[in-house]
Amino acid sequence: MKQKKYISYLFFGVILIFGLLTFYAVNAAETPRFILFFGRFHPLLLHLPIGALIVAIFIDILGRIQKNYPKTTVRNMLGFTAFFAILTCFLGYFLSLEGGYESATLNLHLYTG
């Protein structure tokens, strides 16, 4: 039970830190270099939640077929996916602050992502 609390505190702590970094980047006169550095990890981290979601779906289907449903495993995989999907959204926003992207394409990617 204690481990679940630590994981949830870690989850909300990391999200809070990236949220505060977002407010800092928006209000700064010039985007800080470390924000742009973090933004470059968006393409790398983007595929992690996609792969985890596919694995979670595969485990879910396999568990239903074998009549041995791994509820905890699927829940943990979906939590992992949600955490890294949110983190990827922050990093994508940081990457957009770098500039050099067409406005219409960037807005479409931002709102459909």
N, C-alpha and C. Protein backbone atom coordinates (compact mmCIF):
# COMPACT_ATOMS: atom_id res chain seq x y z
N MET A 1 0.81 -1.19 0.00
CA MET A 1 0.00 0.00 0.00
C MET A 1 0.86 1.27 0.00
N LYS A 2 1.97 1.24 0.75
CA LYS A 2 2.84 2.40 0.80
C LYS A 2 3.48 2.68 -0.56
N GLN A 3 3.77 1.60 -1.30
CA GLN A 3 4.39 1.78 -2.60
C GLN A 3 3.45 2.51 -3.55
N LYS A 4 2.16 2.22 -3.49
CA LYS A 4 1.19 2.90 -4.35
C LYS A 4 1.15 4.39 -4.04
N LYS A 5 1.25 4.75 -2.74
CA LYS A 5 1.25 6.16 -2.38
C LYS A 5 2.49 6.86 -2.91
N TYR A 6 3.65 6.20 -2.80
CA TYR A 6 4.88 6.80 -3.30
C TYR A 6 4.83 7.00 -4.80
N ILE A 7 4.28 6.03 -5.50
CA ILE A 7 4.18 6.14 -6.95
C ILE A 7 3.24 7.27 -7.33
N SER A 8 2.12 7.40 -6.64
CA SER A 8 1.19 8.48 -6.96
C SER A 8 1.80 9.84 -6.61
N TYR A 9 2.55 9.93 -5.51
CA TYR A 9 3.23 11.18 -5.17
C TYR A 9 4.28 11.52 -6.22
N LEU A 10 5.01 10.53 -6.68
CA LEU A 10 6.00 10.75 -7.72
C LEU A 10 5.34 11.22 -9.01
N PHE A 11 4.24 10.57 -9.37
CA PHE A 11 3.49 10.93 -10.57
C PHE A 11 3.06 12.40 -10.51
N PHE A 12 2.39 12.77 -9.43
CA PHE A 12 1.90 14.15 -9.31
C PHE A 12 3.05 15.14 -9.15
N GLY A 13 4.14 14.74 -8.52
CA GLY A 13 5.29 15.62 -8.38
C GLY A 13 5.93 15.94 -9.71
N VAL A 14 6.12 14.93 -10.54
CA VAL A 14 6.73 15.14 -11.86
C VAL A 14 5.81 15.99 -12.74
N ILE A 15 4.52 15.72 -12.71
CA ILE A 15 3.57 16.50 -13.50
C ILE A 15 3.56 17.95 -13.01
N LEU A 16 3.61 18.16 -11.69
CA LEU A 16 3.65 19.51 -11.14
C LEU A 16 4.91 20.25 -11.58
N ILE A 17 6.04 19.57 -11.54
CA ILE A 17 7.30 20.20 -11.96
C ILE A 17 7.24 20.61 -13.42
N PHE A 18 6.75 19.74 -14.28
CA PHE A 18 6.67 20.09 -15.70
C PHE A 18 5.62 21.15 -15.95
N GLY A 19 4.56 21.17 -15.15
CA GLY A 19 3.57 22.24 -15.26
C GLY A 19 4.18 23.58 -14.88
N LEU A 20 4.95 23.61 -13.81
CA LEU A 20 5.62 24.85 -13.41
C LEU A 20 6.66 25.29 -14.44
N LEU A 21 7.36 24.33 -15.02
CA LEU A 21 8.31 24.67 -16.09
C LEU A 21 7.60 25.27 -17.30
N THR A 22 6.39 24.79 -17.57
CA THR A 22 5.62 25.33 -18.68
C THR A 22 5.25 26.79 -18.40
N PHE A 23 4.78 27.08 -17.19
CA PHE A 23 4.45 28.46 -16.86
C PHE A 23 5.70 29.35 -16.90
N TYR A 24 6.82 28.83 -16.47
CA TYR A 24 8.07 29.57 -16.51
C TYR A 24 8.47 29.87 -17.95
N ALA A 25 8.33 28.88 -18.82
CA ALA A 25 8.73 29.06 -20.22
C ALA A 25 7.82 30.05 -20.93
N VAL A 26 6.53 30.03 -20.62
CA VAL A 26 5.58 30.92 -21.27
C VAL A 26 5.82 32.37 -20.84
N ASN A 27 6.14 32.57 -19.57
CA ASN A 27 6.30 33.93 -19.05
C ASN A 27 7.70 34.50 -19.25
N ALA A 28 8.65 33.70 -19.69
CA ALA A 28 10.02 34.19 -19.91
C ALA A 28 10.07 34.99 -21.20
N ALA A 29 10.95 35.99 -21.23
CA ALA A 29 11.10 36.80 -22.43
C ALA A 29 11.66 35.95 -23.58
N GLU A 30 12.61 35.10 -23.25
CA GLU A 30 13.19 34.18 -24.23
C GLU A 30 13.14 32.79 -23.62
N THR A 31 12.78 31.81 -24.43
CA THR A 31 12.64 30.45 -23.91
C THR A 31 13.99 29.95 -23.41
N PRO A 32 14.04 29.50 -22.16
CA PRO A 32 15.32 29.01 -21.60
C PRO A 32 15.86 27.80 -22.37
N ARG A 33 17.16 27.70 -22.42
CA ARG A 33 17.80 26.63 -23.19
C ARG A 33 17.50 25.25 -22.63
N PHE A 34 17.37 25.12 -21.32
CA PHE A 34 17.09 23.79 -20.77
C PHE A 34 15.68 23.33 -21.11
N ILE A 35 14.75 24.26 -21.31
CA ILE A 35 13.40 23.90 -21.75
C ILE A 35 13.47 23.36 -23.18
N LEU A 36 14.24 24.03 -24.02
CA LEU A 36 14.41 23.56 -25.40
C LEU A 36 15.12 22.20 -25.42
N PHE A 37 16.05 22.00 -24.50
CA PHE A 37 16.74 20.71 -24.40
C PHE A 37 15.76 19.59 -24.06
N PHE A 38 14.88 19.83 -23.07
CA PHE A 38 13.87 18.84 -22.72
C PHE A 38 12.92 18.58 -23.89
N GLY A 39 12.60 19.61 -24.65
CA GLY A 39 11.69 19.47 -25.79
C GLY A 39 12.21 18.52 -26.86
N ARG A 40 13.52 18.44 -26.97
CA ARG A 40 14.11 17.54 -27.98
C ARG A 40 13.86 16.07 -27.68
N PHE A 41 13.44 15.75 -26.46
CA PHE A 41 13.16 14.37 -26.11
C PHE A 41 11.74 13.95 -26.48
N HIS A 42 10.96 14.85 -27.02
CA HIS A 42 9.57 14.53 -27.39
C HIS A 42 9.48 13.37 -28.39
N PRO A 43 10.21 13.39 -29.51
CA PRO A 43 10.10 12.26 -30.44
C PRO A 43 10.54 10.93 -29.83
N LEU A 44 11.52 10.97 -28.95
CA LEU A 44 12.01 9.75 -28.31
C LEU A 44 10.96 9.19 -27.35
N LEU A 45 10.40 10.04 -26.53
CA LEU A 45 9.45 9.59 -25.51
C LEU A 45 8.06 9.32 -26.09
N LEU A 46 7.80 9.84 -27.27
CA LEU A 46 6.48 9.69 -27.90
C LEU A 46 6.11 8.23 -28.12
N HIS A 47 7.06 7.41 -28.46
CA HIS A 47 6.75 6.02 -28.80
C HIS A 47 6.65 5.11 -27.59
N LEU A 48 7.10 5.55 -26.44
CA LEU A 48 7.03 4.74 -25.24
C LEU A 48 5.57 4.47 -24.79
N PRO A 49 4.71 5.49 -24.68
CA PRO A 49 3.33 5.19 -24.30
C PRO A 49 2.55 4.42 -25.37
N ILE A 50 2.90 4.61 -26.61
CA ILE A 50 2.23 3.87 -27.68
C ILE A 50 2.55 2.38 -27.55
N GLY A 51 3.81 2.06 -27.35
CA GLY A 51 4.21 0.66 -27.18
C GLY A 51 3.63 0.05 -25.93
N ALA A 52 3.60 0.82 -24.83
CA ALA A 52 3.04 0.31 -23.58
C ALA A 52 1.54 0.06 -23.71
N LEU A 53 0.84 0.91 -24.45
CA LEU A 53 -0.59 0.71 -24.66
C LEU A 53 -0.85 -0.54 -25.48
N ILE A 54 -0.03 -0.78 -26.48
CA ILE A 54 -0.18 -1.99 -27.30
C ILE A 54 0.08 -3.24 -26.45
N VAL A 55 1.10 -3.19 -25.60
CA VAL A 55 1.38 -4.32 -24.71
C VAL A 55 0.23 -4.54 -23.73
N ALA A 56 -0.34 -3.45 -23.19
CA ALA A 56 -1.46 -3.57 -22.25
C ALA A 56 -2.68 -4.20 -22.94
N ILE A 57 -2.95 -3.80 -24.17
CA ILE A 57 -4.07 -4.38 -24.91
C ILE A 57 -3.82 -5.86 -25.17
N PHE A 58 -2.58 -6.21 -25.55
CA PHE A 58 -2.23 -7.59 -25.79
C PHE A 58 -2.40 -8.44 -24.53
N ILE A 59 -1.91 -7.94 -23.38
CA ILE A 59 -2.06 -8.66 -22.11
C ILE A 59 -3.52 -8.80 -21.73
N ASP A 60 -4.31 -7.75 -21.98
CA ASP A 60 -5.74 -7.78 -21.68
C ASP A 60 -6.45 -8.87 -22.50
N ILE A 61 -6.20 -8.88 -23.78
CA ILE A 61 -6.85 -9.87 -24.65
C ILE A 61 -6.39 -11.28 -24.29
N LEU A 62 -5.10 -11.46 -24.09
CA LEU A 62 -4.57 -12.77 -23.72
C LEU A 62 -5.14 -13.27 -22.40
N GLY A 63 -5.27 -12.36 -21.43
CA GLY A 63 -5.84 -12.73 -20.14
C GLY A 63 -7.29 -13.14 -20.24
N ARG A 64 -8.04 -12.47 -21.10
CA ARG A 64 -9.46 -12.83 -21.28
C ARG A 64 -9.60 -14.18 -21.99
N ILE A 65 -8.71 -14.45 -22.94
CA ILE A 65 -8.77 -15.73 -23.65
C ILE A 65 -8.40 -16.88 -22.72
N GLN A 66 -7.38 -16.69 -21.89
CA GLN A 66 -6.91 -17.75 -21.01
C GLN A 66 -7.70 -17.84 -19.70
N LYS A 67 -8.70 -16.99 -19.54
CA LYS A 67 -9.53 -16.97 -18.32
C LYS A 67 -8.70 -16.72 -17.06
N ASN A 68 -7.59 -16.02 -17.22
CA ASN A 68 -6.72 -15.66 -16.11
C ASN A 68 -6.38 -14.18 -16.26
N TYR A 69 -7.34 -13.32 -15.92
CA TYR A 69 -7.20 -11.89 -16.19
C TYR A 69 -6.25 -11.22 -15.19
N PRO A 70 -5.15 -10.65 -15.69
CA PRO A 70 -4.17 -9.98 -14.80
C PRO A 70 -4.56 -8.52 -14.57
N LYS A 71 -5.51 -8.29 -13.71
CA LYS A 71 -6.06 -6.95 -13.48
C LYS A 71 -4.99 -5.96 -13.02
N THR A 72 -4.14 -6.37 -12.10
CA THR A 72 -3.10 -5.48 -11.58
C THR A 72 -2.10 -5.11 -12.66
N THR A 73 -1.72 -6.06 -13.47
CA THR A 73 -0.75 -5.80 -14.54
C THR A 73 -1.31 -4.82 -15.55
N VAL A 74 -2.55 -5.03 -15.95
CA VAL A 74 -3.17 -4.13 -16.93
C VAL A 74 -3.31 -2.72 -16.33
N ARG A 75 -3.71 -2.64 -15.08
CA ARG A 75 -3.85 -1.33 -14.42
C ARG A 75 -2.50 -0.62 -14.35
N ASN A 76 -1.45 -1.34 -14.01
CA ASN A 76 -0.12 -0.74 -13.94
C ASN A 76 0.37 -0.30 -15.32
N MET A 77 0.11 -1.08 -16.34
CA MET A 77 0.51 -0.72 -17.69
C MET A 77 -0.23 0.54 -18.16
N LEU A 78 -1.52 0.63 -17.85
CA LEU A 78 -2.28 1.82 -18.24
C LEU A 78 -1.82 3.05 -17.47
N GLY A 79 -1.46 2.87 -16.21
CA GLY A 79 -0.91 3.99 -15.45
C GLY A 79 0.42 4.46 -16.01
N PHE A 80 1.27 3.50 -16.37
CA PHE A 80 2.55 3.80 -17.01
C PHE A 80 2.33 4.57 -18.31
N THR A 81 1.36 4.10 -19.09
CA THR A 81 1.03 4.75 -20.36
C THR A 81 0.54 6.17 -20.14
N ALA A 82 -0.35 6.37 -19.17
CA ALA A 82 -0.89 7.70 -18.90
C ALA A 82 0.21 8.66 -18.46
N PHE A 83 1.08 8.19 -17.58
CA PHE A 83 2.16 9.04 -17.08
C PHE A 83 3.05 9.51 -18.23
N PHE A 84 3.50 8.59 -19.07
CA PHE A 84 4.41 8.98 -20.13
C PHE A 84 3.70 9.71 -21.26
N ALA A 85 2.40 9.51 -21.44
CA ALA A 85 1.66 10.29 -22.43
C ALA A 85 1.57 11.75 -22.00
N ILE A 86 1.31 11.98 -20.72
CA ILE A 86 1.24 13.34 -20.20
C ILE A 86 2.61 14.01 -20.28
N LEU A 87 3.64 13.28 -19.91
CA LEU A 87 5.00 13.80 -19.99
C LEU A 87 5.37 14.14 -21.43
N THR A 88 4.96 13.31 -22.37
CA THR A 88 5.23 13.55 -23.78
C THR A 88 4.53 14.80 -24.26
N CYS A 89 3.33 15.07 -23.76
CA CYS A 89 2.62 16.30 -24.13
C CYS A 89 3.39 17.53 -23.68
N PHE A 90 3.90 17.50 -22.45
CA PHE A 90 4.71 18.63 -21.98
C PHE A 90 5.94 18.82 -22.86
N LEU A 91 6.62 17.73 -23.17
CA LEU A 91 7.84 17.83 -23.97
C LEU A 91 7.53 18.31 -25.39
N GLY A 92 6.39 17.90 -25.92
CA GLY A 92 5.98 18.38 -27.24
C GLY A 92 5.73 19.88 -27.24
N TYR A 93 5.12 20.36 -26.16
CA TYR A 93 4.91 21.81 -26.04
C TYR A 93 6.26 22.53 -25.93
N PHE A 94 7.17 21.97 -25.17
CA PHE A 94 8.50 22.58 -25.06
C PHE A 94 9.18 22.62 -26.43
N LEU A 95 9.01 21.57 -27.20
CA LEU A 95 9.60 21.52 -28.54
C LEU A 95 8.98 22.58 -29.44
N SER A 96 7.69 22.83 -29.28
CA SER A 96 7.03 23.83 -30.12
C SER A 96 7.53 25.24 -29.84
N LEU A 97 8.05 25.48 -28.64
CA LEU A 97 8.57 26.80 -28.30
C LEU A 97 9.85 27.14 -29.03
N GLU A 98 10.48 26.11 -29.60
CA GLU A 98 11.73 26.32 -30.33
C GLU A 98 11.48 27.11 -31.62
N GLY A 99 10.29 26.94 -32.18
CA GLY A 99 9.97 27.65 -33.42
C GLY A 99 10.38 26.85 -34.63
N GLY A 100 10.14 27.45 -35.80
CA GLY A 100 10.51 26.79 -37.04
C GLY A 100 9.45 25.86 -37.59
N TYR A 101 8.25 25.91 -37.01
CA TYR A 101 7.16 25.05 -37.47
C TYR A 101 6.05 25.91 -38.02
N GLU A 102 5.39 25.43 -39.08
CA GLU A 102 4.26 26.16 -39.64
C GLU A 102 3.12 26.19 -38.63
N SER A 103 2.49 27.33 -38.48
CA SER A 103 1.49 27.54 -37.44
C SER A 103 0.29 26.58 -37.56
N ALA A 104 -0.22 26.40 -38.76
CA ALA A 104 -1.38 25.53 -38.95
C ALA A 104 -1.05 24.08 -38.61
N THR A 105 0.10 23.62 -39.06
CA THR A 105 0.53 22.26 -38.78
C THR A 105 0.78 22.05 -37.29
N LEU A 106 1.41 23.03 -36.66
CA LEU A 106 1.69 22.94 -35.23
C LEU A 106 0.40 22.90 -34.42
N ASN A 107 -0.57 23.76 -34.76
CA ASN A 107 -1.84 23.76 -34.03
C ASN A 107 -2.60 22.45 -34.21
N LEU A 108 -2.60 21.92 -35.43
CA LEU A 108 -3.26 20.64 -35.67
C LEU A 108 -2.60 19.54 -34.84
N HIS A 109 -1.29 19.50 -34.82
CA HIS A 109 -0.56 18.49 -34.06
C HIS A 109 -0.79 18.66 -32.55
N LEU A 110 -0.82 19.92 -32.11
CA LEU A 110 -1.01 20.21 -30.69
C LEU A 110 -2.38 19.75 -30.20
N TYR A 111 -3.41 20.06 -30.97
CA TYR A 111 -4.77 19.75 -30.49
C TYR A 111 -5.21 18.31 -30.77
N THR A 112 -4.65 17.66 -31.77
CA THR A 112 -4.99 16.26 -31.99
C THR A 112 -4.11 15.32 -31.17
N GLY A 113 -2.97 15.81 -30.72
CA GLY A 113 -2.09 15.00 -29.89
C GLY A 113 -2.68 14.77 -28.54
